[in-house]
Amino acid sequence: MATSDRRIIQRFPVDFRVDFIHAGDYLISCSRDISMDGMFINTQSPAPVGTHINVIFPVEGSLEMEVAALVVWNREKSSSARPGMGVQFLSSLPNAVKKNFLKHIDRIVILREKGVSA
């Protein structure tokens, strides 16, 4: 059974900047999809499965919020897929992150309703 077939919480395709801290290094990345319990992070340097990382989300203004996450799968660079890692959030997303996340979802839904690709 594919990973996407086992998901209970719907993931949404969103592309926005998201950074993470792993082994003391601050890495700049972007998301490919997100849900309230996890996300895929595009990165050339995915952390090993089982690693705890801190995901850093931009929020309104110049603020950032950190969320602890666990790497549940990763994918090295290949010719057929973008490298990155799937992470599961270890606590609920802060309200400021949820609000920002939902704005991205609303924008995608509006664009799709108008027939524009996100």
N, C-alpha and C. Protein backbone atom coordinates (compact mmCIF):
# COMPACT_ATOMS: atom_id res chain seq x y z
N MET A 1 0.85 -1.19 0.00
CA MET A 1 0.00 0.00 0.00
C MET A 1 0.89 1.24 0.00
N ALA A 2 0.62 2.19 -0.86
CA ALA A 2 1.41 3.40 -0.95
C ALA A 2 1.17 4.29 0.26
N THR A 3 2.17 5.12 0.57
CA THR A 3 2.07 6.02 1.72
C THR A 3 0.83 6.88 1.63
N SER A 4 0.57 7.45 0.45
CA SER A 4 -0.58 8.34 0.29
C SER A 4 -1.90 7.62 0.54
N ASP A 5 -1.94 6.29 0.30
CA ASP A 5 -3.17 5.53 0.53
C ASP A 5 -3.44 5.35 2.02
N ARG A 6 -2.41 5.43 2.86
CA ARG A 6 -2.57 5.23 4.30
C ARG A 6 -2.89 6.51 5.04
N ARG A 7 -2.77 7.65 4.39
CA ARG A 7 -2.97 8.92 5.08
C ARG A 7 -4.44 9.13 5.42
N ILE A 8 -4.66 9.57 6.64
CA ILE A 8 -6.01 9.88 7.08
C ILE A 8 -6.29 11.37 6.92
N ILE A 9 -5.29 12.19 7.24
CA ILE A 9 -5.45 13.64 7.15
C ILE A 9 -4.99 14.09 5.77
N GLN A 10 -5.84 14.83 5.08
CA GLN A 10 -5.56 15.27 3.72
C GLN A 10 -4.36 16.20 3.67
N ARG A 11 -3.50 15.98 2.67
CA ARG A 11 -2.38 16.87 2.41
C ARG A 11 -2.76 17.78 1.26
N PHE A 12 -2.23 19.00 1.31
CA PHE A 12 -2.51 19.99 0.28
C PHE A 12 -1.21 20.39 -0.40
N PRO A 13 -1.22 20.50 -1.72
CA PRO A 13 0.00 20.93 -2.41
C PRO A 13 0.23 22.43 -2.21
N VAL A 14 1.24 22.77 -1.47
CA VAL A 14 1.60 24.17 -1.28
C VAL A 14 3.11 24.30 -1.42
N ASP A 15 3.52 25.39 -1.99
CA ASP A 15 4.93 25.63 -2.22
C ASP A 15 5.29 26.94 -1.53
N PHE A 16 5.88 26.86 -0.36
CA PHE A 16 6.31 28.06 0.34
C PHE A 16 7.59 27.76 1.10
N ARG A 17 8.28 28.80 1.47
CA ARG A 17 9.55 28.62 2.17
C ARG A 17 9.32 28.02 3.54
N VAL A 18 10.12 27.04 3.85
CA VAL A 18 10.13 26.44 5.18
C VAL A 18 11.57 26.01 5.42
N ASP A 19 12.09 26.36 6.56
CA ASP A 19 13.47 26.03 6.89
C ASP A 19 13.47 24.99 8.00
N PHE A 20 14.63 24.38 8.23
CA PHE A 20 14.70 23.43 9.33
C PHE A 20 16.10 23.41 9.91
N ILE A 21 16.16 22.98 11.16
CA ILE A 21 17.43 22.86 11.87
C ILE A 21 17.66 21.38 12.11
N HIS A 22 18.84 20.92 11.66
CA HIS A 22 19.22 19.53 11.86
C HIS A 22 20.71 19.49 12.21
N ALA A 23 21.04 18.82 13.29
CA ALA A 23 22.43 18.68 13.74
C ALA A 23 23.13 20.03 13.84
N GLY A 24 22.41 21.04 14.30
CA GLY A 24 22.98 22.36 14.49
C GLY A 24 23.07 23.20 13.22
N ASP A 25 22.70 22.65 12.08
CA ASP A 25 22.74 23.40 10.81
C ASP A 25 21.36 23.95 10.49
N TYR A 26 21.32 25.20 10.03
CA TYR A 26 20.09 25.86 9.60
C TYR A 26 20.01 25.71 8.09
N LEU A 27 19.00 25.00 7.60
CA LEU A 27 18.88 24.72 6.17
C LEU A 27 17.63 25.38 5.61
N ILE A 28 17.78 26.05 4.47
CA ILE A 28 16.68 26.74 3.82
C ILE A 28 16.09 25.81 2.76
N SER A 29 14.77 25.62 2.81
CA SER A 29 14.09 24.70 1.91
C SER A 29 12.74 25.26 1.51
N CYS A 30 11.93 24.39 0.91
CA CYS A 30 10.55 24.75 0.62
C CYS A 30 9.69 23.49 0.76
N SER A 31 8.41 23.71 0.91
CA SER A 31 7.48 22.60 1.08
C SER A 31 6.98 22.14 -0.29
N ARG A 32 6.47 20.93 -0.33
CA ARG A 32 5.77 20.45 -1.52
C ARG A 32 4.31 20.21 -1.18
N ASP A 33 4.09 19.66 0.00
CA ASP A 33 2.72 19.49 0.48
C ASP A 33 2.73 19.53 2.00
N ILE A 34 1.56 19.79 2.55
CA ILE A 34 1.45 19.94 4.00
C ILE A 34 0.06 19.52 4.46
N SER A 35 -0.01 19.06 5.69
CA SER A 35 -1.28 18.79 6.36
C SER A 35 -1.12 19.28 7.78
N MET A 36 -2.13 19.09 8.58
CA MET A 36 -2.04 19.53 9.96
C MET A 36 -1.12 18.64 10.80
N ASP A 37 -0.75 17.46 10.26
CA ASP A 37 0.11 16.58 11.06
C ASP A 37 1.48 16.31 10.45
N GLY A 38 1.76 16.83 9.25
CA GLY A 38 3.07 16.60 8.67
C GLY A 38 3.21 17.29 7.33
N MET A 39 4.39 17.10 6.71
CA MET A 39 4.65 17.74 5.43
C MET A 39 5.82 17.09 4.72
N PHE A 40 5.96 17.40 3.44
CA PHE A 40 7.13 17.00 2.68
C PHE A 40 7.99 18.25 2.51
N ILE A 41 9.28 18.11 2.82
CA ILE A 41 10.22 19.22 2.68
C ILE A 41 11.19 18.88 1.55
N ASN A 42 11.23 19.73 0.53
CA ASN A 42 12.21 19.57 -0.54
C ASN A 42 13.57 19.99 0.00
N THR A 43 14.54 19.11 -0.08
CA THR A 43 15.89 19.44 0.35
C THR A 43 16.89 18.50 -0.29
N GLN A 44 18.03 19.04 -0.63
CA GLN A 44 19.11 18.23 -1.18
C GLN A 44 19.78 17.41 -0.08
N SER A 45 19.52 17.77 1.19
CA SER A 45 20.16 17.10 2.33
C SER A 45 19.12 16.57 3.31
N PRO A 46 18.36 15.54 2.93
CA PRO A 46 17.35 15.02 3.86
C PRO A 46 18.01 14.36 5.07
N ALA A 47 17.42 14.58 6.23
CA ALA A 47 17.91 13.96 7.46
C ALA A 47 17.53 12.48 7.47
N PRO A 48 18.28 11.65 8.18
CA PRO A 48 17.94 10.23 8.27
C PRO A 48 16.58 9.98 8.94
N VAL A 49 15.92 8.91 8.55
CA VAL A 49 14.66 8.51 9.17
C VAL A 49 14.89 8.34 10.67
N GLY A 50 13.94 8.82 11.47
CA GLY A 50 14.04 8.73 12.92
C GLY A 50 14.69 9.95 13.56
N THR A 51 15.17 10.89 12.75
CA THR A 51 15.82 12.10 13.26
C THR A 51 14.78 13.12 13.69
N HIS A 52 15.04 13.77 14.82
CA HIS A 52 14.21 14.90 15.26
C HIS A 52 14.80 16.17 14.67
N ILE A 53 13.93 16.98 14.06
CA ILE A 53 14.35 18.26 13.51
C ILE A 53 13.39 19.34 14.01
N ASN A 54 13.77 20.59 13.86
CA ASN A 54 12.89 21.71 14.12
C ASN A 54 12.57 22.38 12.79
N VAL A 55 11.28 22.43 12.46
CA VAL A 55 10.83 23.07 11.23
C VAL A 55 10.49 24.51 11.56
N ILE A 56 10.95 25.42 10.72
CA ILE A 56 10.76 26.85 10.97
C ILE A 56 9.84 27.41 9.90
N PHE A 57 8.67 27.87 10.33
CA PHE A 57 7.66 28.42 9.43
C PHE A 57 7.67 29.94 9.47
N PRO A 58 7.55 30.58 8.30
CA PRO A 58 7.35 32.04 8.31
C PRO A 58 5.90 32.32 8.70
N VAL A 59 5.68 33.37 9.45
CA VAL A 59 4.32 33.81 9.78
C VAL A 59 4.24 35.30 9.47
N GLU A 60 3.14 35.92 9.78
CA GLU A 60 2.93 37.34 9.45
C GLU A 60 4.10 38.20 9.89
N GLY A 61 4.40 39.19 9.07
CA GLY A 61 5.50 40.10 9.37
C GLY A 61 6.83 39.38 9.18
N SER A 62 7.74 39.63 10.06
CA SER A 62 9.05 38.99 9.95
C SER A 62 9.22 37.91 11.00
N LEU A 63 8.11 37.44 11.56
CA LEU A 63 8.17 36.43 12.62
C LEU A 63 8.34 35.03 12.04
N GLU A 64 8.89 34.16 12.85
CA GLU A 64 9.01 32.75 12.50
C GLU A 64 8.58 31.92 13.70
N MET A 65 8.06 30.74 13.43
CA MET A 65 7.66 29.83 14.51
C MET A 65 8.34 28.49 14.27
N GLU A 66 8.84 27.89 15.34
CA GLU A 66 9.50 26.60 15.27
C GLU A 66 8.58 25.49 15.74
N VAL A 67 8.57 24.38 15.01
CA VAL A 67 7.76 23.22 15.36
C VAL A 67 8.66 21.98 15.33
N ALA A 68 8.63 21.19 16.39
CA ALA A 68 9.41 19.95 16.43
C ALA A 68 8.76 18.92 15.51
N ALA A 69 9.61 18.15 14.81
CA ALA A 69 9.10 17.15 13.88
C ALA A 69 10.04 15.94 13.86
N LEU A 70 9.49 14.83 13.38
CA LEU A 70 10.23 13.58 13.25
C LEU A 70 10.28 13.20 11.78
N VAL A 71 11.47 12.87 11.28
CA VAL A 71 11.61 12.42 9.89
C VAL A 71 11.09 10.99 9.81
N VAL A 72 10.04 10.77 9.02
CA VAL A 72 9.44 9.44 8.92
C VAL A 72 9.82 8.73 7.62
N TRP A 73 10.29 9.46 6.63
CA TRP A 73 10.86 8.86 5.41
C TRP A 73 11.68 9.92 4.71
N ASN A 74 12.59 9.46 3.86
CA ASN A 74 13.37 10.41 3.08
C ASN A 74 13.66 9.85 1.71
N ARG A 75 14.08 10.73 0.82
CA ARG A 75 14.37 10.32 -0.55
C ARG A 75 15.58 11.12 -1.02
N GLU A 76 16.60 10.40 -1.41
CA GLU A 76 17.80 11.03 -1.96
C GLU A 76 17.50 11.50 -3.38
N LYS A 77 18.39 12.30 -3.92
CA LYS A 77 18.23 12.80 -5.29
C LYS A 77 18.20 11.64 -6.27
N SER A 78 17.21 11.67 -7.17
CA SER A 78 17.12 10.67 -8.23
C SER A 78 16.63 11.36 -9.49
N SER A 79 16.65 10.65 -10.59
CA SER A 79 16.22 11.26 -11.84
C SER A 79 14.71 11.42 -11.93
N SER A 80 13.97 10.64 -11.14
CA SER A 80 12.51 10.65 -11.28
C SER A 80 11.76 11.44 -10.21
N ALA A 81 12.43 11.82 -9.13
CA ALA A 81 11.72 12.50 -8.05
C ALA A 81 12.62 13.51 -7.35
N ARG A 82 11.99 14.53 -6.82
CA ARG A 82 12.74 15.55 -6.09
C ARG A 82 13.18 15.00 -4.74
N PRO A 83 14.40 15.32 -4.32
CA PRO A 83 14.87 14.83 -3.03
C PRO A 83 14.18 15.57 -1.88
N GLY A 84 14.10 14.90 -0.76
CA GLY A 84 13.50 15.54 0.40
C GLY A 84 13.14 14.54 1.46
N MET A 85 12.26 14.97 2.37
CA MET A 85 11.88 14.10 3.48
C MET A 85 10.45 14.40 3.92
N GLY A 86 9.79 13.34 4.37
CA GLY A 86 8.47 13.46 4.96
C GLY A 86 8.63 13.56 6.46
N VAL A 87 8.02 14.56 7.06
CA VAL A 87 8.12 14.74 8.50
C VAL A 87 6.74 14.74 9.14
N GLN A 88 6.71 14.26 10.37
CA GLN A 88 5.48 14.27 11.17
C GLN A 88 5.69 15.26 12.30
N PHE A 89 4.75 16.19 12.45
CA PHE A 89 4.85 17.16 13.54
C PHE A 89 4.63 16.46 14.86
N LEU A 90 5.42 16.84 15.88
CA LEU A 90 5.34 16.19 17.18
C LEU A 90 4.39 16.90 18.14
N SER A 91 3.84 18.02 17.72
CA SER A 91 2.82 18.72 18.50
C SER A 91 1.91 19.46 17.52
N SER A 92 0.84 19.99 18.03
CA SER A 92 -0.08 20.74 17.17
C SER A 92 0.62 21.98 16.63
N LEU A 93 0.25 22.34 15.41
CA LEU A 93 0.81 23.56 14.83
C LEU A 93 0.28 24.77 15.60
N PRO A 94 1.14 25.74 15.88
CA PRO A 94 0.66 26.97 16.52
C PRO A 94 -0.38 27.67 15.64
N ASN A 95 -1.29 28.40 16.25
CA ASN A 95 -2.37 29.07 15.51
C ASN A 95 -1.85 29.98 14.41
N ALA A 96 -0.74 30.70 14.65
CA ALA A 96 -0.19 31.60 13.63
C ALA A 96 0.26 30.82 12.40
N VAL A 97 0.82 29.62 12.60
CA VAL A 97 1.24 28.78 11.48
C VAL A 97 0.02 28.25 10.74
N LYS A 98 -1.00 27.79 11.50
CA LYS A 98 -2.23 27.29 10.87
C LYS A 98 -2.87 28.37 10.02
N LYS A 99 -2.93 29.58 10.53
CA LYS A 99 -3.55 30.69 9.81
C LYS A 99 -2.80 30.94 8.49
N ASN A 100 -1.49 30.96 8.54
CA ASN A 100 -0.68 31.16 7.34
C ASN A 100 -0.86 30.00 6.36
N PHE A 101 -0.86 28.79 6.88
CA PHE A 101 -1.06 27.58 6.09
C PHE A 101 -2.42 27.64 5.38
N LEU A 102 -3.47 28.01 6.10
CA LEU A 102 -4.81 28.07 5.52
C LEU A 102 -4.93 29.14 4.44
N LYS A 103 -4.17 30.25 4.58
CA LYS A 103 -4.19 31.27 3.53
C LYS A 103 -3.62 30.71 2.24
N HIS A 104 -2.56 29.91 2.33
CA HIS A 104 -2.00 29.28 1.14
C HIS A 104 -3.00 28.31 0.51
N ILE A 105 -3.69 27.54 1.35
CA ILE A 105 -4.69 26.59 0.85
C ILE A 105 -5.81 27.34 0.14
N ASP A 106 -6.33 28.41 0.75
CA ASP A 106 -7.40 29.19 0.15
C ASP A 106 -6.97 29.75 -1.20
N ARG A 107 -5.71 30.23 -1.31
CA ARG A 107 -5.21 30.77 -2.56
C ARG A 107 -5.20 29.69 -3.64
N ILE A 108 -4.78 28.49 -3.29
CA ILE A 108 -4.72 27.39 -4.26
C ILE A 108 -6.13 27.02 -4.72
N VAL A 109 -7.07 26.94 -3.77
CA VAL A 109 -8.45 26.59 -4.12
C VAL A 109 -9.04 27.65 -5.06
N ILE A 110 -8.81 28.93 -4.78
CA ILE A 110 -9.33 30.00 -5.62
C ILE A 110 -8.73 29.92 -7.03
N LEU A 111 -7.41 29.70 -7.11
CA LEU A 111 -6.76 29.60 -8.42
C LEU A 111 -7.29 28.41 -9.21
N ARG A 112 -7.48 27.29 -8.54
CA ARG A 112 -8.01 26.11 -9.25
C ARG A 112 -9.43 26.32 -9.73
N GLU A 113 -10.25 27.02 -8.92
CA GLU A 113 -11.62 27.32 -9.34
C GLU A 113 -11.63 28.20 -10.57
N LYS A 114 -10.60 29.04 -10.72
CA LYS A 114 -10.51 29.92 -11.88
C LYS A 114 -9.80 29.24 -13.04
N GLY A 115 -9.37 27.99 -12.84
CA GLY A 115 -8.70 27.25 -13.90
C GLY A 115 -7.23 27.59 -14.05
N VAL A 116 -6.63 28.22 -13.03
CA VAL A 116 -5.22 28.57 -13.07
C VAL A 116 -4.44 27.55 -12.26
N SER A 117 -3.32 27.09 -12.78
CA SER A 117 -2.52 26.12 -12.02
C SER A 117 -1.72 26.85 -10.96
N ALA A 118 -1.65 26.26 -9.75
CA ALA A 118 -0.97 26.89 -8.63
C ALA A 118 0.46 26.81 -8.80
